[in-house]
Protein backbone atom coordinates (compact mmCIF):
# COMPACT_ATOMS: atom_id res chain seq x y z
CA MET A 1 7.95 -157.86 31.46
CA LEU A 2 4.57 -158.88 32.80
CA ASP A 3 2.17 -156.73 34.82
CA HIS A 4 -1.01 -158.77 34.66
CA ILE A 5 -3.12 -161.19 32.63
CA ASP A 6 -6.92 -161.23 32.36
CA ILE A 7 -8.80 -164.26 31.03
CA THR A 8 -12.39 -165.40 30.81
CA VAL A 9 -13.62 -168.93 31.49
CA LYS A 10 -16.81 -170.91 30.85
CA ASN A 11 -17.39 -171.93 34.48
CA LEU A 12 -15.90 -169.56 37.03
CA ASN A 13 -16.50 -171.78 40.07
CA ARG A 14 -14.76 -174.81 38.51
CA SER A 15 -11.87 -172.66 37.29
CA LYS A 16 -11.41 -171.06 40.72
CA LYS A 17 -10.91 -174.50 42.27
CA PHE A 18 -8.60 -175.62 39.44
CA TYR A 19 -6.35 -172.54 39.57
CA LYS A 20 -6.26 -172.39 43.39
CA ALA A 21 -4.94 -175.95 43.39
CA ILE A 22 -2.33 -175.77 40.62
CA LEU A 23 -1.05 -172.30 41.55
CA SER A 24 -0.60 -173.35 45.19
CA VAL A 25 1.93 -175.96 43.98
CA LEU A 26 4.02 -173.02 42.71
CA GLY A 27 3.63 -171.09 45.96
CA ILE A 28 1.00 -168.67 44.61
CA ASN A 29 -1.59 -168.68 47.40
CA GLU A 30 -2.73 -165.06 47.55
CA PHE A 31 -6.05 -164.25 45.92
CA ILE A 32 -9.01 -161.89 46.12
CA GLU A 33 -12.55 -162.77 44.98
CA ASP A 34 -15.54 -160.62 44.12
CA ASN A 35 -18.76 -161.01 42.12
CA TYR A 36 -16.88 -160.61 38.83
CA GLY A 37 -14.00 -163.05 39.27
CA ILE A 38 -10.87 -163.97 41.15
CA LYS A 39 -7.43 -162.37 41.15
CA PHE A 40 -4.31 -164.41 42.02
CA TYR A 41 -1.23 -162.34 42.79
CA ASP A 42 2.31 -162.16 44.15
CA ASP A 43 4.62 -159.22 44.86
CA LYS A 44 4.73 -158.05 41.21
CA ASP A 45 2.12 -159.63 38.97
CA TYR A 46 -1.46 -160.85 38.92
CA ILE A 47 -3.82 -163.04 36.94
CA TRP A 48 -7.52 -162.15 36.90
CA ILE A 49 -10.07 -164.82 35.92
CA GLY A 50 -13.69 -163.92 35.15
CA GLN A 51 -16.80 -165.50 33.66
CA GLY A 52 -17.02 -165.24 29.86
CA ILE A 53 -16.04 -166.76 26.53
CA PRO A 54 -12.52 -168.28 26.58
CA LYS A 55 -9.97 -167.03 24.01
CA ARG A 56 -6.58 -168.45 22.97
CA PHE A 57 -3.79 -167.75 25.49
CA HIS A 58 -0.58 -169.34 26.78
CA PHE A 59 0.61 -169.06 30.38
CA ALA A 60 4.16 -169.99 31.37
CA PHE A 61 4.40 -170.21 35.16
CA LEU A 62 7.92 -170.13 36.62
CA ALA A 63 8.76 -173.04 38.93
CA LYS A 64 11.53 -173.10 41.55
CA ASP A 65 12.75 -176.57 40.56
CA LYS A 66 11.94 -179.67 38.51
CA GLU A 67 9.91 -181.13 41.37
CA GLN A 68 7.48 -178.19 41.24
CA VAL A 69 7.05 -178.75 37.48
CA ASN A 70 6.29 -182.43 38.12
CA ASN A 71 3.87 -181.64 40.96
CA PHE A 72 2.10 -178.99 38.84
CA TYR A 73 1.68 -181.51 36.01
CA ASN A 74 0.43 -184.37 38.18
CA LEU A 75 -2.02 -182.25 40.13
CA ALA A 76 -3.38 -180.61 36.98
CA LEU A 77 -4.13 -184.05 35.52
CA GLU A 78 -5.82 -185.16 38.75
CA ILE A 79 -8.18 -182.17 38.78
CA GLY A 80 -9.28 -182.17 35.15
CA GLY A 81 -6.41 -180.77 33.08
CA LYS A 82 -5.28 -182.55 29.90
CA SER A 83 -1.66 -183.31 29.10
CA ILE A 84 -0.17 -182.10 25.86
CA GLY A 85 3.44 -182.46 26.99
CA GLU A 86 4.83 -184.45 29.91
CA PRO A 87 7.55 -182.91 32.09
CA LYS A 88 10.92 -183.13 30.34
CA ASN A 89 14.00 -181.17 29.35
CA GLN A 90 13.24 -179.05 26.29
CA ASP A 91 16.97 -178.27 26.20
CA GLU A 92 19.71 -178.61 28.80
CA ASN A 93 18.52 -175.64 30.92
CA TYR A 94 14.76 -175.62 30.23
CA TYR A 95 12.52 -178.20 31.95
CA SER A 96 8.76 -177.87 31.44
CA CYS A 97 5.37 -179.50 30.99
CA TYR A 98 2.25 -178.49 29.06
CA ILE A 99 -1.37 -178.79 30.18
CA LEU A 100 -4.70 -177.67 28.77
CA ASP A 101 -6.90 -176.26 31.55
CA LEU A 102 -10.66 -176.75 31.85
CA ASP A 103 -11.35 -174.21 29.08
CA GLY A 104 -8.53 -175.24 26.73
CA TYR A 105 -5.98 -172.60 27.80
CA LEU A 106 -2.39 -173.75 27.33
CA LEU A 107 -0.54 -173.81 30.66
CA GLU A 108 3.17 -174.39 31.00
CA ALA A 109 5.18 -174.85 34.17
CA VAL A 110 8.86 -174.17 33.52
CA TYR A 111 12.08 -174.47 35.50
CA ILE A 112 15.09 -172.66 34.03
CA ASP A 113 18.43 -173.84 35.41
CA GLU A 114 20.78 -170.91 35.03
């Protein structure tokens, strides 16, 4: 179970724009900013992003369908992300893509067909 994730990034302003864009594709549009960073949240969980030295981490964002995975992937590439795995079925029920964000964090958008 996930409560929250905190990460640090090299350039907070660039990362704010990047995450606002790709998270909006998944319907995550709520956020709060202060002098120390930005917090994106939904009903249960949050991700806080602050200025600092990036460390290794993997995010797997849940998508509602394959189209959201594809949109996440395409938008991430357009705004500076790097592909390390195009959208595809990893097995018959698991469809995902893999992106490196602006600081090298591994991002995955995944749709699980149950």
